[in-house]
Each structure stands twice: as structure tokens, then as C-alpha cells.
Amino acid sequence: MDKVIADIEIFQLPPLLLRETNSSVQTILYGPRPFVNMTPDERIRACYQHTILKWLSGERMKNASLCIRFGIEKHNAAQATKVILQAQKIGVIKPADPEHPRAGYVPIWG
């Protein structure tokens, strides 16, 4: 699963969607769509998946890495900040070190 999500990031695709039913799990992959055309839910899901990949590789998700994941230019970094704040608000990511805000973010369970 992590390899699929990593490839999704490389090609800056919308995030993977998993839907659970009574007897199975459906996996949905989307075609290319830029950040500006992603829904707020897709942006948060992509942020969460990006945070997990960083955590699995021993790193922390940061604003700069999320900008790269979404293809956001440096002068528009506030767009990534907004997604990070929304992901924190719904409780899927948290600061890696609350005392040092620039230390990055980890999954809420990390």
C-alpha cells in the first residue's frame, strides 16, 4: 500500500480512497487533477497519507514537503498551511513536538 501511495505522490495525483463495505474494501485511484481542483476532503486525505509516508521513512511531514507533494509553489505555501491546519483540526495529524512548531508533523497515532 505504501508503494502505491508513494507513486500517487510522485505523479501528484489525488489521494487513494478506501471504502469499506460489509464484506470488502474498495480501493479507488484517481487520474491526474491539480491541487486547485481537489476537494477539501481529498486535500486532507493526501496530507494524512503524505504524513504517514514521511513517518514510515523516519521523517516528519513539513509544510515544504507538502508543497512538493501538491505541486504548490513556494510563494503559495499558505495553501499547504491551511491543509495542515484542517488535518490537525479533524485529528488525523499532530505536531511532532508541540514545543517546536517547525519540527514537523506526524500521524495522530505516531
PDB file of N, CA and C in Angstrom:
ATOM      1  N   MET A   1       0.822  -1.181   0.000  1.00  0.00           N
ATOM      2  CA  MET A   1       0.000   0.000   0.000  1.00  0.00           C
ATOM      3  C   MET A   1       0.877   1.260   0.000  1.00  0.00           C
ATOM      4  N   ASP A   2       1.979   1.211   0.766  1.00  0.00           N
ATOM      5  CA  ASP A   2       2.833   2.388   0.821  1.00  0.00           C
ATOM      6  C   ASP A   2       3.478   2.689  -0.533  1.00  0.00           C
ATOM      7  N   LYS A   3       3.757   1.672  -1.324  1.00  0.00           N
ATOM      8  CA  LYS A   3       4.336   1.893  -2.658  1.00  0.00           C
ATOM      9  C   LYS A   3       3.330   2.557  -3.583  1.00  0.00           C
ATOM     10  N   VAL A   4       2.074   2.162  -3.478  1.00  0.00           N
ATOM     11  CA  VAL A   4       1.019   2.780  -4.293  1.00  0.00           C
ATOM     12  C   VAL A   4       0.884   4.248  -3.915  1.00  0.00           C
ATOM     13  N   ILE A   5       0.834   4.536  -2.622  1.00  0.00           N
ATOM     14  CA  ILE A   5       0.691   5.927  -2.164  1.00  0.00           C
ATOM     15  C   ILE A   5       1.920   6.744  -2.561  1.00  0.00           C
ATOM     16  N   ALA A   6       3.100   6.149  -2.493  1.00  0.00           N
ATOM     17  CA  ALA A   6       4.313   6.856  -2.910  1.00  0.00           C
ATOM     18  C   ALA A   6       4.259   7.213  -4.392  1.00  0.00           C
ATOM     19  N   ASP A   7       3.793   6.298  -5.229  1.00  0.00           N
ATOM     20  CA  ASP A   7       3.664   6.591  -6.661  1.00  0.00           C
ATOM     21  C   ASP A   7       2.600   7.654  -6.910  1.00  0.00           C
ATOM     22  N   ILE A   8       1.528   7.618  -6.150  1.00  0.00           N
ATOM     23  CA  ILE A   8       0.500   8.655  -6.268  1.00  0.00           C
ATOM     24  C   ILE A   8       1.123  10.019  -5.987  1.00  0.00           C
ATOM     25  N   GLU A   9       1.984  10.090  -4.982  1.00  0.00           N
ATOM     26  CA  GLU A   9       2.648  11.356  -4.654  1.00  0.00           C
ATOM     27  C   GLU A   9       3.607  11.792  -5.749  1.00  0.00           C
ATOM     28  N   ILE A  10       4.374  10.866  -6.275  1.00  0.00           N
ATOM     29  CA  ILE A  10       5.339  11.200  -7.326  1.00  0.00           C
ATOM     30  C   ILE A  10       4.643  11.878  -8.499  1.00  0.00           C
ATOM     31  N   PHE A  11       3.477  11.362  -8.860  1.00  0.00           N
ATOM     32  CA  PHE A  11       2.748  11.905 -10.001  1.00  0.00           C
ATOM     33  C   PHE A  11       1.725  12.965  -9.595  1.00  0.00           C
ATOM     34  N   GLN A  12       1.746  13.359  -8.313  1.00  0.00           N
ATOM     35  CA  GLN A  12       0.882  14.403  -7.761  1.00  0.00           C
ATOM     36  C   GLN A  12      -0.596  14.165  -8.104  1.00  0.00           C
ATOM     37  N   LEU A  13      -1.020  12.912  -7.928  1.00  0.00           N
ATOM     38  CA  LEU A  13      -2.405  12.535  -8.177  1.00  0.00           C
ATOM     39  C   LEU A  13      -3.250  12.773  -6.927  1.00  0.00           C
ATOM     40  N   PRO A  14      -4.560  12.831  -7.073  1.00  0.00           N
ATOM     41  CA  PRO A  14      -5.407  12.884  -5.880  1.00  0.00           C
ATOM     42  C   PRO A  14      -5.167  11.635  -5.032  1.00  0.00           C
ATOM     43  N   PRO A  15      -5.428  11.720  -3.739  1.00  0.00           N
ATOM     44  CA  PRO A  15      -5.113  10.603  -2.849  1.00  0.00           C
ATOM     45  C   PRO A  15      -5.980   9.376  -3.081  1.00  0.00           C
ATOM     46  N   LEU A  16      -5.440   8.261  -2.685  1.00  0.00           N
ATOM     47  CA  LEU A  16      -6.131   6.985  -2.683  1.00  0.00           C
ATOM     48  C   LEU A  16      -7.356   7.084  -1.774  1.00  0.00           C
ATOM     49  N   LEU A  17      -8.445   6.447  -2.180  1.00  0.00           N
ATOM     50  CA  LEU A  17      -9.645   6.398  -1.346  1.00  0.00           C
ATOM     51  C   LEU A  17      -9.980   4.940  -1.078  1.00  0.00           C
ATOM     52  N   LEU A  18     -10.155   4.614   0.179  1.00  0.00           N
ATOM     53  CA  LEU A  18     -10.558   3.259   0.577  1.00  0.00           C
ATOM     54  C   LEU A  18     -11.980   3.336   1.111  1.00  0.00           C
ATOM     55  N   ARG A  19     -12.852   2.506   0.556  1.00  0.00           N
ATOM     56  CA  ARG A  19     -14.245   2.438   1.010  1.00  0.00           C
ATOM     57  C   ARG A  19     -14.518   1.051   1.547  1.00  0.00           C
ATOM     58  N   GLU A  20     -14.972   1.008   2.774  1.00  0.00           N
ATOM     59  CA  GLU A  20     -15.288  -0.274   3.410  1.00  0.00           C
ATOM     60  C   GLU A  20     -16.774  -0.577   3.238  1.00  0.00           C
ATOM     61  N   THR A  21     -17.059  -1.803   2.852  1.00  0.00           N
ATOM     62  CA  THR A  21     -18.440  -2.285   2.794  1.00  0.00           C
ATOM     63  C   THR A  21     -18.570  -3.407   3.809  1.00  0.00           C
ATOM     64  N   ASN A  22     -19.706  -4.034   3.850  1.00  0.00           N
ATOM     65  CA  ASN A  22     -19.914  -5.136   4.801  1.00  0.00           C
ATOM     66  C   ASN A  22     -18.964  -6.299   4.575  1.00  0.00           C
ATOM     67  N   SER A  23     -18.596  -6.542   3.315  1.00  0.00           N
ATOM     68  CA  SER A  23     -17.806  -7.737   3.034  1.00  0.00           C
ATOM     69  C   SER A  23     -16.495  -7.481   2.300  1.00  0.00           C
ATOM     70  N   SER A  24     -16.184  -6.220   2.027  1.00  0.00           N
ATOM     71  CA  SER A  24     -14.952  -5.960   1.271  1.00  0.00           C
ATOM     72  C   SER A  24     -14.480  -4.522   1.474  1.00  0.00           C
ATOM     73  N   VAL A  25     -13.313  -4.257   0.905  1.00  0.00           N
ATOM     74  CA  VAL A  25     -12.778  -2.901   0.875  1.00  0.00           C
ATOM     75  C   VAL A  25     -12.536  -2.549  -0.584  1.00  0.00           C
ATOM     76  N   GLN A  26     -13.078  -1.432  -0.989  1.00  0.00           N
ATOM     77  CA  GLN A  26     -12.933  -0.966  -2.364  1.00  0.00           C
ATOM     78  C   GLN A  26     -11.827   0.085  -2.388  1.00  0.00           C
ATOM     79  N   THR A  27     -10.902  -0.044  -3.323  1.00  0.00           N
ATOM     80  CA  THR A  27      -9.814   0.912  -3.492  1.00  0.00           C
ATOM     81  C   THR A  27     -10.078   1.726  -4.742  1.00  0.00           C
ATOM     82  N   ILE A  28     -10.024   3.050  -4.592  1.00  0.00           N
ATOM     83  CA  ILE A  28     -10.287   3.930  -5.725  1.00  0.00           C
ATOM     84  C   ILE A  28      -9.048   4.778  -5.995  1.00  0.00           C
ATOM     85  N   LEU A  29      -8.574   4.705  -7.228  1.00  0.00           N
ATOM     86  CA  LEU A  29      -7.451   5.525  -7.680  1.00  0.00           C
ATOM     87  C   LEU A  29      -7.990   6.534  -8.686  1.00  0.00           C
ATOM     88  N   TYR A  30      -7.502   7.747  -8.608  1.00  0.00           N
ATOM     89  CA  TYR A  30      -7.980   8.822  -9.474  1.00  0.00           C
ATOM     90  C   TYR A  30      -6.923   9.218 -10.497  1.00  0.00           C
ATOM     91  N   GLY A  31      -7.384   9.747 -11.601  1.00  0.00           N
ATOM     92  CA  GLY A  31      -6.490  10.279 -12.616  1.00  0.00           C
ATOM     93  C   GLY A  31      -5.965  11.642 -12.197  1.00  0.00           C
ATOM     94  N   PRO A  32      -5.072  12.195 -13.005  1.00  0.00           N
ATOM     95  CA  PRO A  32      -4.448  13.482 -12.673  1.00  0.00           C
ATOM     96  C   PRO A  32      -5.474  14.594 -12.436  1.00  0.00           C
ATOM     97  N   ARG A  33      -5.232  15.348 -11.380  1.00  0.00           N
ATOM     98  CA  ARG A  33      -6.030  16.520 -11.062  1.00  0.00           C
ATOM     99  C   ARG A  33      -5.176  17.424 -10.183  1.00  0.00           C
ATOM    100  N   PRO A  34      -4.973  18.677 -10.567  1.00  0.00           N
ATOM    101  CA  PRO A  34      -4.107  19.557  -9.774  1.00  0.00           C
ATOM    102  C   PRO A  34      -4.726  19.906  -8.419  1.00  0.00           C
ATOM    103  N   PHE A  35      -3.900  20.393  -7.530  1.00  0.00           N
ATOM    104  CA  PHE A  35      -4.314  20.773  -6.183  1.00  0.00           C
ATOM    105  C   PHE A  35      -5.553  21.657  -6.210  1.00  0.00           C
ATOM    106  N   VAL A  36      -5.570  22.625  -7.066  1.00  0.00           N
ATOM    107  CA  VAL A  36      -6.677  23.580  -7.121  1.00  0.00           C
ATOM    108  C   VAL A  36      -8.017  22.906  -7.404  1.00  0.00           C
ATOM    109  N   ASN A  37      -8.009  21.758  -8.049  1.00  0.00           N
ATOM    110  CA  ASN A  37      -9.244  21.046  -8.383  1.00  0.00           C
ATOM    111  C   ASN A  37      -9.578  19.905  -7.426  1.00  0.00           C
ATOM    112  N   MET A  38      -8.748  19.711  -6.395  1.00  0.00           N
ATOM    113  CA  MET A  38      -9.040  18.684  -5.397  1.00  0.00           C
ATOM    114  C   MET A  38     -10.062  19.229  -4.398  1.00  0.00           C
ATOM    115  N   THR A  39     -10.888  18.341  -3.884  1.00  0.00           N
ATOM    116  CA  THR A  39     -11.847  18.742  -2.857  1.00  0.00           C
ATOM    117  C   THR A  39     -11.113  18.930  -1.531  1.00  0.00           C
ATOM    118  N   PRO A  40     -11.705  19.659  -0.591  1.00  0.00           N
ATOM    119  CA  PRO A  40     -11.068  19.781   0.734  1.00  0.00           C
ATOM    120  C   PRO A  40     -10.806  18.416   1.376  1.00  0.00           C
ATOM    121  N   ASP A  41     -11.731  17.474   1.230  1.00  0.00           N
ATOM    122  CA  ASP A  41     -11.530  16.139   1.779  1.00  0.00           C
ATOM    123  C   ASP A  41     -10.334  15.441   1.133  1.00  0.00           C
ATOM    124  N   GLU A  42     -10.187  15.574  -0.171  1.00  0.00           N
ATOM    125  CA  GLU A  42      -9.048  14.964  -0.870  1.00  0.00           C
ATOM    126  C   GLU A  42      -7.736  15.579  -0.409  1.00  0.00           C
ATOM    127  N   ARG A  43      -7.732  16.873  -0.200  1.00  0.00           N
ATOM    128  CA  ARG A  43      -6.510  17.555   0.258  1.00  0.00           C
ATOM    129  C   ARG A  43      -6.097  17.046   1.638  1.00  0.00           C
ATOM    130  N   ILE A  44      -7.065  16.916   2.531  1.00  0.00           N
ATOM    131  CA  ILE A  44      -6.767  16.426   3.880  1.00  0.00           C
ATOM    132  C   ILE A  44      -6.310  14.972   3.827  1.00  0.00           C
ATOM    133  N   ARG A  45      -6.966  14.160   3.035  1.00  0.00           N
ATOM    134  CA  ARG A  45      -6.576  12.749   2.894  1.00  0.00           C
ATOM    135  C   ARG A  45      -5.159  12.638   2.329  1.00  0.00           C
ATOM    136  N   ALA A  46      -4.838  13.472   1.343  1.00  0.00           N
ATOM    137  CA  ALA A  46      -3.488  13.469   0.765  1.00  0.00           C
ATOM    138  C   ALA A  46      -2.457  13.891   1.809  1.00  0.00           C
ATOM    139  N   CYS A  47      -2.800  14.888   2.610  1.00  0.00           N
ATOM    140  CA  CYS A  47      -1.907  15.348   3.682  1.00  0.00           C
ATOM    141  C   CYS A  47      -1.658  14.219   4.673  1.00  0.00           C
ATOM    142  N   TYR A  48      -2.697  13.528   5.069  1.00  0.00           N
ATOM    143  CA  TYR A  48      -2.580  12.414   6.014  1.00  0.00           C
ATOM    144  C   TYR A  48      -1.720  11.296   5.426  1.00  0.00           C
ATOM    145  N   GLN A  49      -1.986  10.922   4.184  1.00  0.00           N
ATOM    146  CA  GLN A  49      -1.205   9.869   3.548  1.00  0.00           C
ATOM    147  C   GLN A  49       0.260  10.287   3.403  1.00  0.00           C
ATOM    148  N   HIS A  50       0.504  11.545   3.089  1.00  0.00           N
ATOM    149  CA  HIS A  50       1.873  12.066   2.976  1.00  0.00           C
ATOM    150  C   HIS A  50       2.574  11.995   4.337  1.00  0.00           C
ATOM    151  N   THR A  51       1.844  12.350   5.382  1.00  0.00           N
ATOM    152  CA  THR A  51       2.400  12.303   6.735  1.00  0.00           C
ATOM    153  C   THR A  51       2.785  10.879   7.118  1.00  0.00           C
ATOM    154  N   ILE A  52       1.951   9.917   6.754  1.00  0.00           N
ATOM    155  CA  ILE A  52       2.260   8.507   7.041  1.00  0.00           C
ATOM    156  C   ILE A  52       3.518   8.072   6.297  1.00  0.00           C
ATOM    157  N   LEU A  53       3.624   8.422   5.010  1.00  0.00           N
ATOM    158  CA  LEU A  53       4.828   8.040   4.251  1.00  0.00           C
ATOM    159  C   LEU A  53       6.085   8.630   4.875  1.00  0.00           C
ATOM    160  N   LYS A  54       6.009   9.876   5.291  1.00  0.00           N
ATOM    161  CA  LYS A  54       7.167  10.508   5.931  1.00  0.00           C
ATOM    162  C   LYS A  54       7.502   9.779   7.234  1.00  0.00           C
ATOM    163  N   TRP A  55       6.477   9.468   8.023  1.00  0.00           N
ATOM    164  CA  TRP A  55       6.670   8.782   9.296  1.00  0.00           C
ATOM    165  C   TRP A  55       7.303   7.408   9.077  1.00  0.00           C
ATOM    166  N   LEU A  56       6.838   6.670   8.069  1.00  0.00           N
ATOM    167  CA  LEU A  56       7.387   5.347   7.774  1.00  0.00           C
ATOM    168  C   LEU A  56       8.856   5.409   7.363  1.00  0.00           C
ATOM    169  N   SER A  57       9.257   6.534   6.763  1.00  0.00           N
ATOM    170  CA  SER A  57      10.651   6.674   6.340  1.00  0.00           C
ATOM    171  C   SER A  57      11.513   7.354   7.412  1.00  0.00           C
ATOM    172  N   GLY A  58      10.950   7.556   8.599  1.00  0.00           N
ATOM    173  CA  GLY A  58      11.715   8.151   9.693  1.00  0.00           C
ATOM    174  C   GLY A  58      11.817   9.652   9.617  1.00  0.00           C
ATOM    175  N   GLU A  59      10.993  10.266   8.801  1.00  0.00           N
ATOM    176  CA  GLU A  59      10.998  11.718   8.655  1.00  0.00           C
ATOM    177  C   GLU A  59       9.709  12.295   9.215  1.00  0.00           C
ATOM    178  N   ARG A  60       9.607  13.609   9.148  1.00  0.00           N
ATOM    179  CA  ARG A  60       8.398  14.287   9.565  1.00  0.00           C
ATOM    180  C   ARG A  60       7.856  15.105   8.397  1.00  0.00           C
ATOM    181  N   MET A  61       6.552  15.138   8.303  1.00  0.00           N
ATOM    182  CA  MET A  61       5.932  15.951   7.264  1.00  0.00           C
ATOM    183  C   MET A  61       6.088  17.412   7.653  1.00  0.00           C
ATOM    184  N   LYS A  62       6.451  18.218   6.687  1.00  0.00           N
ATOM    185  CA  LYS A  62       6.592  19.659   6.904  1.00  0.00           C
ATOM    186  C   LYS A  62       5.845  20.398   5.810  1.00  0.00           C
ATOM    187  N   ASN A  63       5.649  21.672   6.030  1.00  0.00           N
ATOM    188  CA  ASN A  63       4.957  22.491   5.044  1.00  0.00           C
ATOM    189  C   ASN A  63       5.638  22.384   3.686  1.00  0.00           C
ATOM    190  N   ALA A  64       6.955  22.436   3.679  1.00  0.00           N
ATOM    191  CA  ALA A  64       7.698  22.382   2.410  1.00  0.00           C
ATOM    192  C   ALA A  64       7.496  21.055   1.691  1.00  0.00           C
ATOM    193  N   SER A  65       7.479  19.946   2.432  1.00  0.00           N
ATOM    194  CA  SER A  65       7.290  18.651   1.775  1.00  0.00           C
ATOM    195  C   SER A  65       5.866  18.514   1.246  1.00  0.00           C
ATOM    196  N   LEU A  66       4.897  19.094   1.960  1.00  0.00           N
ATOM    197  CA  LEU A  66       3.517  19.050   1.475  1.00  0.00           C
ATOM    198  C   LEU A  66       3.352  19.913   0.227  1.00  0.00           C
ATOM    199  N   CYS A  67       4.063  21.034   0.173  1.00  0.00           N
ATOM    200  CA  CYS A  67       4.038  21.865  -1.042  1.00  0.00           C
ATOM    201  C   CYS A  67       4.554  21.074  -2.236  1.00  0.00           C
ATOM    202  N   ILE A  68       5.616  20.318  -2.044  1.00  0.00           N
ATOM    203  CA  ILE A  68       6.158  19.496  -3.129  1.00  0.00           C
ATOM    204  C   ILE A  68       5.141  18.431  -3.522  1.00  0.00           C
ATOM    205  N   ARG A  69       4.537  17.780  -2.528  1.00  0.00           N
ATOM    206  CA  ARG A  69       3.560  16.730  -2.807  1.00  0.00           C
ATOM    207  C   ARG A  69       2.412  17.264  -3.666  1.00  0.00           C
ATOM    208  N   PHE A  70       1.952  18.492  -3.367  1.00  0.00           N
ATOM    209  CA  PHE A  70       0.829  19.080  -4.088  1.00  0.00           C
ATOM    210  C   PHE A  70       1.241  19.886  -5.322  1.00  0.00           C
ATOM    211  N   GLY A  71       2.530  20.123  -5.497  1.00  0.00           N
ATOM    212  CA  GLY A  71       2.974  20.957  -6.611  1.00  0.00           C
ATOM    213  C   GLY A  71       2.675  22.431  -6.382  1.00  0.00           C
ATOM    214  N   ILE A  72       2.698  22.843  -5.118  1.00  0.00           N
ATOM    215  CA  ILE A  72       2.430  24.238  -4.751  1.00  0.00           C
ATOM    216  C   ILE A  72       3.744  25.009  -4.773  1.00  0.00           C
ATOM    217  N   GLU A  73       3.746  26.151  -5.417  1.00  0.00           N
ATOM    218  CA  GLU A  73       4.956  26.986  -5.465  1.00  0.00           C
ATOM    219  C   GLU A  73       5.190  27.639  -4.103  1.00  0.00           C
ATOM    220  N   LYS A  74       6.474  27.952  -3.824  1.00  0.00           N
ATOM    221  CA  LYS A  74       6.866  28.490  -2.518  1.00  0.00           C
ATOM    222  C   LYS A  74       6.060  29.723  -2.111  1.00  0.00           C
ATOM    223  N   HIS A  75       5.784  30.589  -3.062  1.00  0.00           N
ATOM    224  CA  HIS A  75       5.061  31.821  -2.707  1.00  0.00           C
ATOM    225  C   HIS A  75       3.593  31.558  -2.371  1.00  0.00           C
ATOM    226  N   ASN A  76       3.108  30.348  -2.598  1.00  0.00           N
ATOM    227  CA  ASN A  76       1.742  29.956  -2.245  1.00  0.00           C
ATOM    228  C   ASN A  76       1.717  28.949  -1.095  1.00  0.00           C
ATOM    229  N   ALA A  77       2.777  28.903  -0.297  1.00  0.00           N
ATOM    230  CA  ALA A  77       2.896  27.919   0.782  1.00  0.00           C
ATOM    231  C   ALA A  77       1.760  28.003   1.796  1.00  0.00           C
ATOM    232  N   ALA A  78       1.085  29.135   1.878  1.00  0.00           N
ATOM    233  CA  ALA A  78      -0.040  29.276   2.807  1.00  0.00           C
ATOM    234  C   ALA A  78      -1.155  28.287   2.475  1.00  0.00           C
ATOM    235  N   GLN A  79      -1.234  27.863   1.224  1.00  0.00           N
ATOM    236  CA  GLN A  79      -2.243  26.865   0.848  1.00  0.00           C
ATOM    237  C   GLN A  79      -1.975  25.536   1.562  1.00  0.00           C
ATOM    238  N   ALA A  80      -0.715  25.157   1.641  1.00  0.00           N
ATOM    239  CA  ALA A  80      -0.351  23.923   2.344  1.00  0.00           C
ATOM    240  C   ALA A  80      -0.590  24.085   3.846  1.00  0.00           C
ATOM    241  N   THR A  81      -0.271  25.252   4.374  1.00  0.00           N
ATOM    242  CA  THR A  81      -0.502  25.523   5.795  1.00  0.00           C
ATOM    243  C   THR A  81      -1.973  25.347   6.144  1.00  0.00           C
ATOM    244  N   LYS A  82      -2.844  25.828   5.285  1.00  0.00           N
ATOM    245  CA  LYS A  82      -4.289  25.707   5.513  1.00  0.00           C
ATOM    246  C   LYS A  82      -4.713  24.233   5.574  1.00  0.00           C
ATOM    247  N   VAL A  83      -4.168  23.417   4.683  1.00  0.00           N
ATOM    248  CA  VAL A  83      -4.491  21.982   4.686  1.00  0.00           C
ATOM    249  C   VAL A  83      -3.984  21.333   5.971  1.00  0.00           C
ATOM    250  N   ILE A  84      -2.787  21.682   6.391  1.00  0.00           N
ATOM    251  CA  ILE A  84      -2.218  21.134   7.630  1.00  0.00           C
ATOM    252  C   ILE A  84      -3.108  21.488   8.819  1.00  0.00           C
ATOM    253  N   LEU A  85      -3.555  22.717   8.891  1.00  0.00           N
ATOM    254  CA  LEU A  85      -4.431  23.149   9.991  1.00  0.00           C
ATOM    255  C   LEU A  85      -5.748  22.380   9.977  1.00  0.00           C
ATOM    256  N   GLN A  86      -6.299  22.159   8.798  1.00  0.00           N
ATOM    257  CA  GLN A  86      -7.549  21.397   8.687  1.00  0.00           C
ATOM    258  C   GLN A  86      -7.338  19.942   9.111  1.00  0.00           C
ATOM    259  N   ALA A  87      -6.208  19.356   8.717  1.00  0.00           N
ATOM    260  CA  ALA A  87      -5.908  17.966   9.089  1.00  0.00           C
ATOM    261  C   ALA A  87      -5.724  17.842  10.604  1.00  0.00           C
ATOM    262  N   GLN A  88      -5.119  18.847  11.221  1.00  0.00           N
ATOM    263  CA  GLN A  88      -4.992  18.841  12.684  1.00  0.00           C
ATOM    264  C   GLN A  88      -6.359  18.987  13.348  1.00  0.00           C
ATOM    265  N   LYS A  89      -7.179  19.851  12.787  1.00  0.00           N
ATOM    266  CA  LYS A  89      -8.495  20.116  13.361  1.00  0.00           C
ATOM    267  C   LYS A  89      -9.363  18.857  13.408  1.00  0.00           C
ATOM    268  N   ILE A  90      -9.302  18.040  12.361  1.00  0.00           N
ATOM    269  CA  ILE A  90     -10.119  16.817  12.370  1.00  0.00           C
ATOM    270  C   ILE A  90      -9.406  15.655  13.073  1.00  0.00           C
ATOM    271  N   GLY A  91      -8.161  15.878  13.490  1.00  0.00           N
ATOM    272  CA  GLY A  91      -7.476  14.900  14.321  1.00  0.00           C
ATOM    273  C   GLY A  91      -6.780  13.761  13.615  1.00  0.00           C
ATOM    274  N   VAL A  92      -6.243  14.003  12.407  1.00  0.00           N
ATOM    275  CA  VAL A  92      -5.512  12.928  11.737  1.00  0.00           C
ATOM    276  C   VAL A  92      -3.995  13.110  11.811  1.00  0.00           C
ATOM    277  N   ILE A  93      -3.543  14.337  12.080  1.00  0.00           N
ATOM    278  CA  ILE A  93      -2.115  14.589  12.275  1.00  0.00           C
ATOM    279  C   ILE A  93      -1.943  15.452  13.517  1.00  0.00           C
ATOM    280  N   LYS A  94      -0.710  15.483  14.014  1.00  0.00           N
ATOM    281  CA  LYS A  94      -0.393  16.307  15.176  1.00  0.00           C
ATOM    282  C   LYS A  94       1.040  16.815  15.043  1.00  0.00           C
ATOM    283  N   PRO A  95       1.378  17.897  15.744  1.00  0.00           N
ATOM    284  CA  PRO A  95       2.764  18.360  15.731  1.00  0.00           C
ATOM    285  C   PRO A  95       3.683  17.287  16.320  1.00  0.00           C
ATOM    286  N   ALA A  96       4.831  17.111  15.705  1.00  0.00           N
ATOM    287  CA  ALA A  96       5.792  16.129  16.212  1.00  0.00           C
ATOM    288  C   ALA A  96       6.322  16.569  17.570  1.00  0.00           C
ATOM    289  N   ASP A  97       6.471  17.867  17.746  1.00  0.00           N
ATOM    290  CA  ASP A  97       6.957  18.433  19.004  1.00  0.00           C
ATOM    291  C   ASP A  97       6.197  19.729  19.257  1.00  0.00           C
ATOM    292  N   PRO A  98       5.185  19.702  20.107  1.00  0.00           N
ATOM    293  CA  PRO A  98       4.378  20.905  20.348  1.00  0.00           C
ATOM    294  C   PRO A  98       5.181  22.117  20.802  1.00  0.00           C
ATOM    295  N   GLU A  99       6.333  21.882  21.425  1.00  0.00           N
ATOM    296  CA  GLU A  99       7.188  22.980  21.881  1.00  0.00           C
ATOM    297  C   GLU A  99       7.913  23.680  20.728  1.00  0.00           C
ATOM    298  N   HIS A 100       8.078  22.955  19.611  1.00  0.00           N
ATOM    299  CA  HIS A 100       8.805  23.479  18.455  1.00  0.00           C
ATOM    300  C   HIS A 100       7.959  23.284  17.199  1.00  0.00           C
ATOM    301  N   PRO A 101       7.147  24.274  16.847  1.00  0.00           N
ATOM    302  CA  PRO A 101       6.205  24.133  15.734  1.00  0.00           C
ATOM    303  C   PRO A 101       6.842  23.791  14.386  1.00  0.00           C
ATOM    304  N   ARG A 102       8.072  24.143  14.179  1.00  0.00           N
ATOM    305  CA  ARG A 102       8.725  23.865  12.894  1.00  0.00           C
ATOM    306  C   ARG A 102       9.333  22.467  12.836  1.00  0.00           C
ATOM    307  N   ALA A 103       9.097  21.668  13.862  1.00  0.00           N
ATOM    308  CA  ALA A 103       9.654  20.311  13.898  1.00  0.00           C
ATOM    309  C   ALA A 103       8.914  19.356  12.973  1.00  0.00           C
ATOM    310  N   GLY A 104       7.775  19.768  12.457  1.00  0.00           N
ATOM    311  CA  GLY A 104       7.034  18.940  11.531  1.00  0.00           C
ATOM    312  C   GLY A 104       5.842  18.267  12.193  1.00  0.00           C
ATOM    313  N   TYR A 105       5.247  17.332  11.449  1.00  0.00           N
ATOM    314  CA  TYR A 105       4.004  16.684  11.877  1.00  0.00           C
ATOM    315  C   TYR A 105       4.106  15.185  11.696  1.00  0.00           C
ATOM    316  N   VAL A 106       3.358  14.461  12.514  1.00  0.00           N
ATOM    317  CA  VAL A 106       3.297  13.010  12.467  1.00  0.00           C
ATOM    318  C   VAL A 106       1.829  12.596  12.478  1.00  0.00           C
ATOM    319  N   PRO A 107       1.549  11.344  12.086  1.00  0.00           N
ATOM    320  CA  PRO A 107       0.160  10.875  12.205  1.00  0.00           C
ATOM    321  C   PRO A 107      -0.278  10.947  13.674  1.00  0.00           C
ATOM    322  N   ILE A 108      -1.548  11.107  13.919  1.00  0.00           N
ATOM    323  CA  ILE A 108      -2.059  11.241  15.267  1.00  0.00           C
ATOM    324  C   ILE A 108      -1.702  10.038  16.132  1.00  0.00           C
ATOM    325  N   TRP A 109      -1.553   8.886  15.531  1.00  0.00           N
ATOM    326  CA  TRP A 109      -1.231   7.665  16.263  1.00  0.00           C
ATOM    327  C   TRP A 109       0.275   7.430  16.361  1.00  0.00           C
ATOM    328  N   GLY A 110       1.078   8.325  15.727  1.00  0.00           N
ATOM    329  CA  GLY A 110       2.533   8.131  15.658  1.00  0.00           C
ATOM    330  C   GLY A 110       3.277   8.598  16.869  1.00  0.00           C
TER     331      GLY A 110
END
